[in-house]
Amino acid sequence: MMVIIAGHVLVEEAERDSHVAAFGDLVSRARASDGCISVAITADTVDPRRVDILEIWRDAEALESWRGRADAPDTGVEPIEVQVQRYNATDGGPLF
């Protein structure tokens, strides 16, 4: 079953871009990982404090394997708010 991680993190406006940039290597490594369909950690286009997070994995096993070696960076940024959830996708298809 496909696994989707989606949501956002709020950080101080002055820290957002450096926070996002710190995840560049992690995103590159995740995308190269077996079972990764997509990973993005990006600055929101409207809210200058918001970091949008989206991960799509083939299945829970691929996600757990990645989590065991992800080695997330310590950005030193304390989140103001974290709203990130895991979803199990049981169905899907073309948007149009």
PDB file of N, CA and C in Angstrom:
ATOM      1  N   MET A   1       0.835  -1.173   0.000  1.00  0.00           N
ATOM      2  CA  MET A   1       0.000   0.000   0.000  1.00  0.00           C
ATOM      3  C   MET A   1       0.887   1.245   0.000  1.00  0.00           C
ATOM      4  N   MET A   2       0.625   2.157  -0.903  1.00  0.00           N
ATOM      5  CA  MET A   2       1.397   3.386  -1.008  1.00  0.00           C
ATOM      6  C   MET A   2       1.238   4.211   0.269  1.00  0.00           C
ATOM      7  N   VAL A   3       2.329   4.865   0.684  1.00  0.00           N
ATOM      8  CA  VAL A   3       2.326   5.704   1.882  1.00  0.00           C
ATOM      9  C   VAL A   3       2.630   7.142   1.472  1.00  0.00           C
ATOM     10  N   ILE A   4       1.828   8.064   1.994  1.00  0.00           N
ATOM     11  CA  ILE A   4       2.008   9.490   1.721  1.00  0.00           C
ATOM     12  C   ILE A   4       2.223  10.209   3.049  1.00  0.00           C
ATOM     13  N   ILE A   5       3.267  11.006   3.112  1.00  0.00           N
ATOM     14  CA  ILE A   5       3.530  11.881   4.248  1.00  0.00           C
ATOM     15  C   ILE A   5       3.294  13.295   3.726  1.00  0.00           C
ATOM     16  N   ALA A   6       2.387  14.033   4.347  1.00  0.00           N
ATOM     17  CA  ALA A   6       2.069  15.369   3.833  1.00  0.00           C
ATOM     18  C   ALA A   6       1.730  16.321   4.966  1.00  0.00           C
ATOM     19  N   GLY A   7       2.104  17.573   4.760  1.00  0.00           N
ATOM     20  CA  GLY A   7       1.770  18.604   5.732  1.00  0.00           C
ATOM     21  C   GLY A   7       2.721  19.770   5.641  1.00  0.00           C
ATOM     22  N   HIS A   8       2.855  20.462   6.775  1.00  0.00           N
ATOM     23  CA  HIS A   8       3.732  21.631   6.797  1.00  0.00           C
ATOM     24  C   HIS A   8       4.299  21.862   8.188  1.00  0.00           C
ATOM     25  N   VAL A   9       5.362  22.646   8.212  1.00  0.00           N
ATOM     26  CA  VAL A   9       6.011  23.093   9.433  1.00  0.00           C
ATOM     27  C   VAL A   9       6.103  24.611   9.348  1.00  0.00           C
ATOM     28  N   LEU A  10       5.812  25.283  10.456  1.00  0.00           N
ATOM     29  CA  LEU A  10       6.014  26.724  10.520  1.00  0.00           C
ATOM     30  C   LEU A  10       7.288  27.012  11.298  1.00  0.00           C
ATOM     31  N   VAL A  11       8.111  27.902  10.753  1.00  0.00           N
ATOM     32  CA  VAL A  11       9.341  28.346  11.420  1.00  0.00           C
ATOM     33  C   VAL A  11       9.380  29.872  11.335  1.00  0.00           C
ATOM     34  N   GLU A  12      10.318  30.480  12.024  1.00  0.00           N
ATOM     35  CA  GLU A  12      10.462  31.934  11.926  1.00  0.00           C
ATOM     36  C   GLU A  12      10.777  32.306  10.475  1.00  0.00           C
ATOM     37  N   GLU A  13      10.189  33.382  10.022  1.00  0.00           N
ATOM     38  CA  GLU A  13      10.364  33.823   8.633  1.00  0.00           C
ATOM     39  C   GLU A  13      11.834  33.945   8.242  1.00  0.00           C
ATOM     40  N   ALA A  14      12.655  34.486   9.111  1.00  0.00           N
ATOM     41  CA  ALA A  14      14.072  34.690   8.806  1.00  0.00           C
ATOM     42  C   ALA A  14      14.849  33.380   8.700  1.00  0.00           C
ATOM     43  N   GLU A  15      14.297  32.298   9.218  1.00  0.00           N
ATOM     44  CA  GLU A  15      14.992  31.011   9.225  1.00  0.00           C
ATOM     45  C   GLU A  15      14.482  30.036   8.163  1.00  0.00           C
ATOM     46  N   ARG A  16      13.382  30.380   7.504  1.00  0.00           N
ATOM     47  CA  ARG A  16      12.743  29.417   6.606  1.00  0.00           C
ATOM     48  C   ARG A  16      13.641  28.961   5.466  1.00  0.00           C
ATOM     49  N   ASP A  17      14.228  29.875   4.730  1.00  0.00           N
ATOM     50  CA  ASP A  17      14.993  29.491   3.538  1.00  0.00           C
ATOM     51  C   ASP A  17      16.221  28.658   3.892  1.00  0.00           C
ATOM     52  N   SER A  18      16.903  28.997   4.971  1.00  0.00           N
ATOM     53  CA  SER A  18      18.061  28.189   5.372  1.00  0.00           C
ATOM     54  C   SER A  18      17.611  26.820   5.880  1.00  0.00           C
ATOM     55  N   HIS A  19      16.448  26.773   6.509  1.00  0.00           N
ATOM     56  CA  HIS A  19      15.897  25.499   6.975  1.00  0.00           C
ATOM     57  C   HIS A  19      15.609  24.582   5.779  1.00  0.00           C
ATOM     58  N   VAL A  20      14.956  25.115   4.770  1.00  0.00           N
ATOM     59  CA  VAL A  20      14.652  24.341   3.558  1.00  0.00           C
ATOM     60  C   VAL A  20      15.947  23.900   2.874  1.00  0.00           C
ATOM     61  N   ALA A  21      16.891  24.806   2.725  1.00  0.00           N
ATOM     62  CA  ALA A  21      18.156  24.490   2.049  1.00  0.00           C
ATOM     63  C   ALA A  21      18.912  23.372   2.761  1.00  0.00           C
ATOM     64  N   ALA A  22      18.808  23.315   4.080  1.00  0.00           N
ATOM     65  CA  ALA A  22      19.512  22.285   4.844  1.00  0.00           C
ATOM     66  C   ALA A  22      19.034  20.877   4.498  1.00  0.00           C
ATOM     67  N   PHE A  23      17.848  20.754   3.914  1.00  0.00           N
ATOM     68  CA  PHE A  23      17.303  19.442   3.567  1.00  0.00           C
ATOM     69  C   PHE A  23      17.611  19.031   2.127  1.00  0.00           C
ATOM     70  N   GLY A  24      18.364  19.840   1.387  1.00  0.00           N
ATOM     71  CA  GLY A  24      18.663  19.521  -0.013  1.00  0.00           C
ATOM     72  C   GLY A  24      19.302  18.165  -0.203  1.00  0.00           C
ATOM     73  N   ASP A  25      20.317  17.852   0.589  1.00  0.00           N
ATOM     74  CA  ASP A  25      20.994  16.558   0.469  1.00  0.00           C
ATOM     75  C   ASP A  25      20.060  15.412   0.824  1.00  0.00           C
ATOM     76  N   LEU A  26      19.287  15.576   1.884  1.00  0.00           N
ATOM     77  CA  LEU A  26      18.347  14.532   2.293  1.00  0.00           C
ATOM     78  C   LEU A  26      17.330  14.255   1.194  1.00  0.00           C
ATOM     79  N   VAL A  27      16.786  15.303   0.584  1.00  0.00           N
ATOM     80  CA  VAL A  27      15.811  15.136  -0.492  1.00  0.00           C
ATOM     81  C   VAL A  27      16.444  14.400  -1.674  1.00  0.00           C
ATOM     82  N   SER A  28      17.653  14.765  -2.047  1.00  0.00           N
ATOM     83  CA  SER A  28      18.341  14.085  -3.155  1.00  0.00           C
ATOM     84  C   SER A  28      18.550  12.607  -2.859  1.00  0.00           C
ATOM     85  N   ARG A  29      18.991  12.309  -1.645  1.00  0.00           N
ATOM     86  CA  ARG A  29      19.218  10.907  -1.268  1.00  0.00           C
ATOM     87  C   ARG A  29      17.909  10.127  -1.197  1.00  0.00           C
ATOM     88  N   ALA A  30      16.860  10.764  -0.690  1.00  0.00           N
ATOM     89  CA  ALA A  30      15.555  10.087  -0.611  1.00  0.00           C
ATOM     90  C   ALA A  30      15.044   9.756  -2.006  1.00  0.00           C
ATOM     91  N   ARG A  31      15.150  10.696  -2.911  1.00  0.00           N
ATOM     92  CA  ARG A  31      14.664  10.465  -4.281  1.00  0.00           C
ATOM     93  C   ARG A  31      15.408   9.333  -4.970  1.00  0.00           C
ATOM     94  N   ALA A  32      16.651   9.114  -4.591  1.00  0.00           N
ATOM     95  CA  ALA A  32      17.448   8.031  -5.176  1.00  0.00           C
ATOM     96  C   ALA A  32      17.209   6.700  -4.470  1.00  0.00           C
ATOM     97  N   SER A  33      16.463   6.714  -3.389  1.00  0.00           N
ATOM     98  CA  SER A  33      16.222   5.516  -2.585  1.00  0.00           C
ATOM     99  C   SER A  33      15.175   4.615  -3.229  1.00  0.00           C
ATOM    100  N   ASP A  34      15.392   3.324  -3.144  1.00  0.00           N
ATOM    101  CA  ASP A  34      14.434   2.349  -3.673  1.00  0.00           C
ATOM    102  C   ASP A  34      13.078   2.541  -3.012  1.00  0.00           C
ATOM    103  N   GLY A  35      12.059   2.666  -3.804  1.00  0.00           N
ATOM    104  CA  GLY A  35      10.703   2.794  -3.301  1.00  0.00           C
ATOM    105  C   GLY A  35      10.208   4.219  -3.157  1.00  0.00           C
ATOM    106  N   CYS A  36      11.090   5.193  -3.401  1.00  0.00           N
ATOM    107  CA  CYS A  36      10.682   6.592  -3.328  1.00  0.00           C
ATOM    108  C   CYS A  36      10.021   6.989  -4.647  1.00  0.00           C
ATOM    109  N   ILE A  37       8.817   7.488  -4.559  1.00  0.00           N
ATOM    110  CA  ILE A  37       8.125   7.992  -5.736  1.00  0.00           C
ATOM    111  C   ILE A  37       8.366   9.497  -5.859  1.00  0.00           C
ATOM    112  N   SER A  38       8.301  10.193  -4.717  1.00  0.00           N
ATOM    113  CA  SER A  38       8.570  11.631  -4.718  1.00  0.00           C
ATOM    114  C   SER A  38       8.827  12.101  -3.292  1.00  0.00           C
ATOM    115  N   VAL A  39       9.726  13.063  -3.151  1.00  0.00           N
ATOM    116  CA  VAL A  39       9.968  13.744  -1.873  1.00  0.00           C
ATOM    117  C   VAL A  39      10.226  15.208  -2.196  1.00  0.00           C
ATOM    118  N   ALA A  40       9.583  16.095  -1.439  1.00  0.00           N
ATOM    119  CA  ALA A  40       9.806  17.530  -1.597  1.00  0.00           C
ATOM    120  C   ALA A  40       9.659  18.214  -0.247  1.00  0.00           C
ATOM    121  N   ILE A  41      10.613  19.066   0.075  1.00  0.00           N
ATOM    122  CA  ILE A  41      10.562  19.939   1.239  1.00  0.00           C
ATOM    123  C   ILE A  41      10.822  21.324   0.681  1.00  0.00           C
ATOM    124  N   THR A  42       9.768  22.147   0.647  1.00  0.00           N
ATOM    125  CA  THR A  42       9.836  23.401  -0.100  1.00  0.00           C
ATOM    126  C   THR A  42       9.280  24.591   0.686  1.00  0.00           C
ATOM    127  N   ALA A  43       9.744  25.773   0.319  1.00  0.00           N
ATOM    128  CA  ALA A  43       9.210  27.012   0.877  1.00  0.00           C
ATOM    129  C   ALA A  43       7.839  27.267   0.261  1.00  0.00           C
ATOM    130  N   ASP A  44       6.877  27.589   1.094  1.00  0.00           N
ATOM    131  CA  ASP A  44       5.530  27.891   0.623  1.00  0.00           C
ATOM    132  C   ASP A  44       5.534  29.189  -0.184  1.00  0.00           C
ATOM    133  N   THR A  45       4.691  29.283  -1.187  1.00  0.00           N
ATOM    134  CA  THR A  45       4.666  30.465  -2.048  1.00  0.00           C
ATOM    135  C   THR A  45       3.869  31.628  -1.473  1.00  0.00           C
ATOM    136  N   VAL A  46       3.124  31.395  -0.389  1.00  0.00           N
ATOM    137  CA  VAL A  46       2.277  32.441   0.175  1.00  0.00           C
ATOM    138  C   VAL A  46       2.702  32.839   1.591  1.00  0.00           C
ATOM    139  N   ASP A  47       2.955  31.858   2.441  1.00  0.00           N
ATOM    140  CA  ASP A  47       3.286  32.116   3.846  1.00  0.00           C
ATOM    141  C   ASP A  47       4.799  32.072   4.026  1.00  0.00           C
ATOM    142  N   PRO A  48       5.437  33.164   4.410  1.00  0.00           N
ATOM    143  CA  PRO A  48       6.895  33.201   4.523  1.00  0.00           C
ATOM    144  C   PRO A  48       7.456  32.408   5.705  1.00  0.00           C
ATOM    145  N   ARG A  49       6.589  31.821   6.522  1.00  0.00           N
ATOM    146  CA  ARG A  49       7.044  30.988   7.639  1.00  0.00           C
ATOM    147  C   ARG A  49       6.844  29.499   7.366  1.00  0.00           C
ATOM    148  N   ARG A  50       6.142  29.173   6.307  1.00  0.00           N
ATOM    149  CA  ARG A  50       5.688  27.799   6.082  1.00  0.00           C
ATOM    150  C   ARG A  50       6.643  27.004   5.192  1.00  0.00           C
ATOM    151  N   VAL A  51       6.924  25.768   5.623  1.00  0.00           N
ATOM    152  CA  VAL A  51       7.701  24.796   4.856  1.00  0.00           C
ATOM    153  C   VAL A  51       6.761  23.641   4.543  1.00  0.00           C
ATOM    154  N   ASP A  52       6.517  23.399   3.271  1.00  0.00           N
ATOM    155  CA  ASP A  52       5.622  22.324   2.849  1.00  0.00           C
ATOM    156  C   ASP A  52       6.411  21.029   2.684  1.00  0.00           C
ATOM    157  N   ILE A  53       5.794  19.937   3.129  1.00  0.00           N
ATOM    158  CA  ILE A  53       6.441  18.626   3.103  1.00  0.00           C
ATOM    159  C   ILE A  53       5.535  17.639   2.386  1.00  0.00           C
ATOM    160  N   LEU A  54       6.112  16.911   1.426  1.00  0.00           N
ATOM    161  CA  LEU A  54       5.377  15.858   0.738  1.00  0.00           C
ATOM    162  C   LEU A  54       6.327  14.711   0.438  1.00  0.00           C
ATOM    163  N   GLU A  55       5.963  13.527   0.881  1.00  0.00           N
ATOM    164  CA  GLU A  55       6.710  12.307   0.576  1.00  0.00           C
ATOM    165  C   GLU A  55       5.717  11.275   0.063  1.00  0.00           C
ATOM    166  N   ILE A  56       6.078  10.573  -0.992  1.00  0.00           N
ATOM    167  CA  ILE A  56       5.256   9.479  -1.503  1.00  0.00           C
ATOM    168  C   ILE A  56       6.161   8.271  -1.665  1.00  0.00           C
ATOM    169  N   TRP A  57       5.796   7.177  -1.003  1.00  0.00           N
ATOM    170  CA  TRP A  57       6.589   5.953  -1.001  1.00  0.00           C
ATOM    171  C   TRP A  57       5.773   4.787  -1.530  1.00  0.00           C
ATOM    172  N   ARG A  58       6.442   3.883  -2.232  1.00  0.00           N
ATOM    173  CA  ARG A  58       5.804   2.712  -2.824  1.00  0.00           C
ATOM    174  C   ARG A  58       5.019   1.932  -1.784  1.00  0.00           C
ATOM    175  N   ASP A  59       5.618   1.769  -0.599  1.00  0.00           N
ATOM    176  CA  ASP A  59       4.974   1.005   0.463  1.00  0.00           C
ATOM    177  C   ASP A  59       5.642   1.320   1.805  1.00  0.00           C
ATOM    178  N   ALA A  60       5.064   0.795   2.887  1.00  0.00           N
ATOM    179  CA  ALA A  60       5.579   1.057   4.236  1.00  0.00           C
ATOM    180  C   ALA A  60       6.995   0.518   4.408  1.00  0.00           C
ATOM    181  N   GLU A  61       7.312  -0.595   3.782  1.00  0.00           N
ATOM    182  CA  GLU A  61       8.647  -1.173   3.903  1.00  0.00           C
ATOM    183  C   GLU A  61       9.707  -0.237   3.330  1.00  0.00           C
ATOM    184  N   ALA A  62       9.417   0.354   2.179  1.00  0.00           N
ATOM    185  CA  ALA A  62      10.371   1.302   1.573  1.00  0.00           C
ATOM    186  C   ALA A  62      10.550   2.528   2.473  1.00  0.00           C
ATOM    187  N   LEU A  63       9.453   3.027   3.033  1.00  0.00           N
ATOM    188  CA  LEU A  63       9.545   4.179   3.931  1.00  0.00           C
ATOM    189  C   LEU A  63      10.360   3.843   5.163  1.00  0.00           C
ATOM    190  N   GLU A  64      10.094   2.715   5.790  1.00  0.00           N
ATOM    191  CA  GLU A  64      10.821   2.333   7.007  1.00  0.00           C
ATOM    192  C   GLU A  64      12.304   2.095   6.722  1.00  0.00           C
ATOM    193  N   SER A  65      12.604   1.511   5.578  1.00  0.00           N
ATOM    194  CA  SER A  65      14.000   1.316   5.196  1.00  0.00           C
ATOM    195  C   SER A  65      14.698   2.673   5.073  1.00  0.00           C
ATOM    196  N   TRP A  66      14.034   3.635   4.434  1.00  0.00           N
ATOM    197  CA  TRP A  66      14.598   4.972   4.282  1.00  0.00           C
ATOM    198  C   TRP A  66      14.780   5.643   5.642  1.00  0.00           C
ATOM    199  N   ARG A  67      13.772   5.549   6.489  1.00  0.00           N
ATOM    200  CA  ARG A  67      13.838   6.193   7.807  1.00  0.00           C
ATOM    201  C   ARG A  67      15.047   5.696   8.613  1.00  0.00           C
ATOM    202  N   GLY A  68      15.419   4.438   8.417  1.00  0.00           N
ATOM    203  CA  GLY A  68      16.547   3.878   9.137  1.00  0.00           C
ATOM    204  C   GLY A  68      17.893   4.462   8.746  1.00  0.00           C
ATOM    205  N   ARG A  69      17.951   5.121   7.596  1.00  0.00           N
ATOM    206  CA  ARG A  69      19.226   5.682   7.138  1.00  0.00           C
ATOM    207  C   ARG A  69      19.114   7.143   6.679  1.00  0.00           C
ATOM    208  N   ALA A  70      18.000   7.780   6.937  1.00  0.00           N
ATOM    209  CA  ALA A  70      17.752   9.133   6.432  1.00  0.00           C
ATOM    210  C   ALA A  70      18.751  10.155   6.963  1.00  0.00           C
ATOM    211  N   ASP A  71      19.085  10.082   8.236  1.00  0.00           N
ATOM    212  CA  ASP A  71      20.057  10.994   8.846  1.00  0.00           C
ATOM    213  C   ASP A  71      19.696  12.455   8.558  1.00  0.00           C
ATOM    214  N   ALA A  72      18.534  12.862   9.061  1.00  0.00           N
ATOM    215  CA  ALA A  72      18.050  14.229   8.844  1.00  0.00           C
ATOM    216  C   ALA A  72      19.004  15.246   9.455  1.00  0.00           C
ATOM    217  N   PRO A  73      19.160  16.394   8.802  1.00  0.00           N
ATOM    218  CA  PRO A  73      20.078  17.417   9.315  1.00  0.00           C
ATOM    219  C   PRO A  73      19.543  18.064  10.581  1.00  0.00           C
ATOM    220  N   ASP A  74      20.450  18.488  11.429  1.00  0.00           N
ATOM    221  CA  ASP A  74      20.085  19.298  12.594  1.00  0.00           C
ATOM    222  C   ASP A  74      20.189  20.750  12.149  1.00  0.00           C
ATOM    223  N   THR A  75      19.061  21.353  11.831  1.00  0.00           N
ATOM    224  CA  THR A  75      19.065  22.724  11.309  1.00  0.00           C
ATOM    225  C   THR A  75      19.201  23.763  12.410  1.00  0.00           C
ATOM    226  N   GLY A  76      18.987  23.362  13.646  1.00  0.00           N
ATOM    227  CA  GLY A  76      19.027  24.307  14.751  1.00  0.00           C
ATOM    228  C   GLY A  76      17.805  25.205  14.807  1.00  0.00           C
ATOM    229  N   VAL A  77      16.829  24.950  13.935  1.00  0.00           N
ATOM    230  CA  VAL A  77      15.613  25.757  13.877  1.00  0.00           C
ATOM    231  C   VAL A  77      14.526  25.060  14.696  1.00  0.00           C
ATOM    232  N   GLU A  78      13.942  25.795  15.622  1.00  0.00           N
ATOM    233  CA  GLU A  78      12.857  25.263  16.446  1.00  0.00           C
ATOM    234  C   GLU A  78      11.525  25.554  15.747  1.00  0.00           C
ATOM    235  N   PRO A  79      10.780  24.509  15.372  1.00  0.00           N
ATOM    236  CA  PRO A  79       9.501  24.750  14.706  1.00  0.00           C
ATOM    237  C   PRO A  79       8.502  25.447  15.634  1.00  0.00           C
ATOM    238  N   ILE A  80       7.716  26.326  15.056  1.00  0.00           N
ATOM    239  CA  ILE A  80       6.629  26.981  15.776  1.00  0.00           C
ATOM    240  C   ILE A  80       5.428  26.046  15.810  1.00  0.00           C
ATOM    241  N   GLU A  81       5.233  25.325  14.719  1.00  0.00           N
ATOM    242  CA  GLU A  81       4.084  24.428  14.578  1.00  0.00           C
ATOM    243  C   GLU A  81       4.460  23.314  13.611  1.00  0.00           C
ATOM    244  N   VAL A  82       3.988  22.116  13.888  1.00  0.00           N
ATOM    245  CA  VAL A  82       4.198  20.977  12.995  1.00  0.00           C
ATOM    246  C   VAL A  82       2.846  20.340  12.721  1.00  0.00           C
ATOM    247  N   GLN A  83       2.475  20.309  11.456  1.00  0.00           N
ATOM    248  CA  GLN A  83       1.232  19.669  11.019  1.00  0.00           C
ATOM    249  C   GLN A  83       1.563  18.716   9.881  1.00  0.00           C
ATOM    250  N   VAL A  84       2.052  17.538  10.210  1.00  0.00           N
ATOM    251  CA  VAL A  84       2.453  16.544   9.217  1.00  0.00           C
ATOM    252  C   VAL A  84       1.779  15.224   9.592  1.00  0.00           C
ATOM    253  N   GLN A  85       1.185  14.578   8.600  1.00  0.00           N
ATOM    254  CA  GLN A  85       0.463  13.332   8.831  1.00  0.00           C
ATOM    255  C   GLN A  85       0.920  12.260   7.847  1.00  0.00           C
ATOM    256  N   ARG A  86       0.721  11.012   8.249  1.00  0.00           N
ATOM    257  CA  ARG A  86       0.975   9.862   7.386  1.00  0.00           C
ATOM    258  C   ARG A  86      -0.368   9.334   6.899  1.00  0.00           C
ATOM    259  N   TYR A  87      -0.425   9.023   5.608  1.00  0.00           N
ATOM    260  CA  TYR A  87      -1.647   8.492   5.005  1.00  0.00           C
ATOM    261  C   TYR A  87      -1.311   7.219   4.240  1.00  0.00           C
ATOM    262  N   ASN A  88      -2.174   6.246   4.335  1.00  0.00           N
ATOM    263  CA  ASN A  88      -2.040   5.025   3.547  1.00  0.00           C
ATOM    264  C   ASN A  88      -3.012   5.140   2.371  1.00  0.00           C
ATOM    265  N   ALA A  89      -2.469   5.104   1.175  1.00  0.00           N
ATOM    266  CA  ALA A  89      -3.294   5.248  -0.023  1.00  0.00           C
ATOM    267  C   ALA A  89      -3.699   3.872  -0.530  1.00  0.00           C
ATOM    268  N   THR A  90      -4.990   3.651  -0.571  1.00  0.00           N
ATOM    269  CA  THR A  90      -5.495   2.366  -1.039  1.00  0.00           C
ATOM    270  C   THR A  90      -6.007   2.416  -2.458  1.00  0.00           C
ATOM    271  N   ASP A  91      -6.080   3.615  -3.022  1.00  0.00           N
ATOM    272  CA  ASP A  91      -6.598   3.761  -4.377  1.00  0.00           C
ATOM    273  C   ASP A  91      -5.995   5.010  -5.000  1.00  0.00           C
ATOM    274  N   GLY A  92      -5.958   5.043  -6.272  1.00  0.00           N
ATOM    275  CA  GLY A  92      -5.460   6.218  -6.984  1.00  0.00           C
ATOM    276  C   GLY A  92      -5.632   6.039  -8.472  1.00  0.00           C
ATOM    277  N   GLY A  93      -5.417   7.078  -9.190  1.00  0.00           N
ATOM    278  CA  GLY A  93      -5.534   7.010 -10.634  1.00  0.00           C
ATOM    279  C   GLY A  93      -5.250   8.379 -11.239  1.00  0.00           C
ATOM    280  N   PRO A  94      -5.391   8.478 -12.540  1.00  0.00           N
ATOM    281  CA  PRO A  94      -5.119   9.741 -13.224  1.00  0.00           C
ATOM    282  C   PRO A  94      -6.009  10.868 -12.694  1.00  0.00           C
ATOM    283  N   LEU A  95      -5.445  12.072 -12.616  1.00  0.00           N
ATOM    284  CA  LEU A  95      -6.211  13.224 -12.161  1.00  0.00           C
ATOM    285  C   LEU A  95      -7.219  13.654 -13.201  1.00  0.00           C
ATOM    286  N   PHE A  96      -6.842  13.622 -14.456  1.00  0.00           N
ATOM    287  CA  PHE A  96      -7.741  14.033 -15.542  1.00  0.00           C
ATOM    288  C   PHE A  96      -7.968  12.908 -16.517  1.00  0.00           C
TER     289      PHE A  96
END
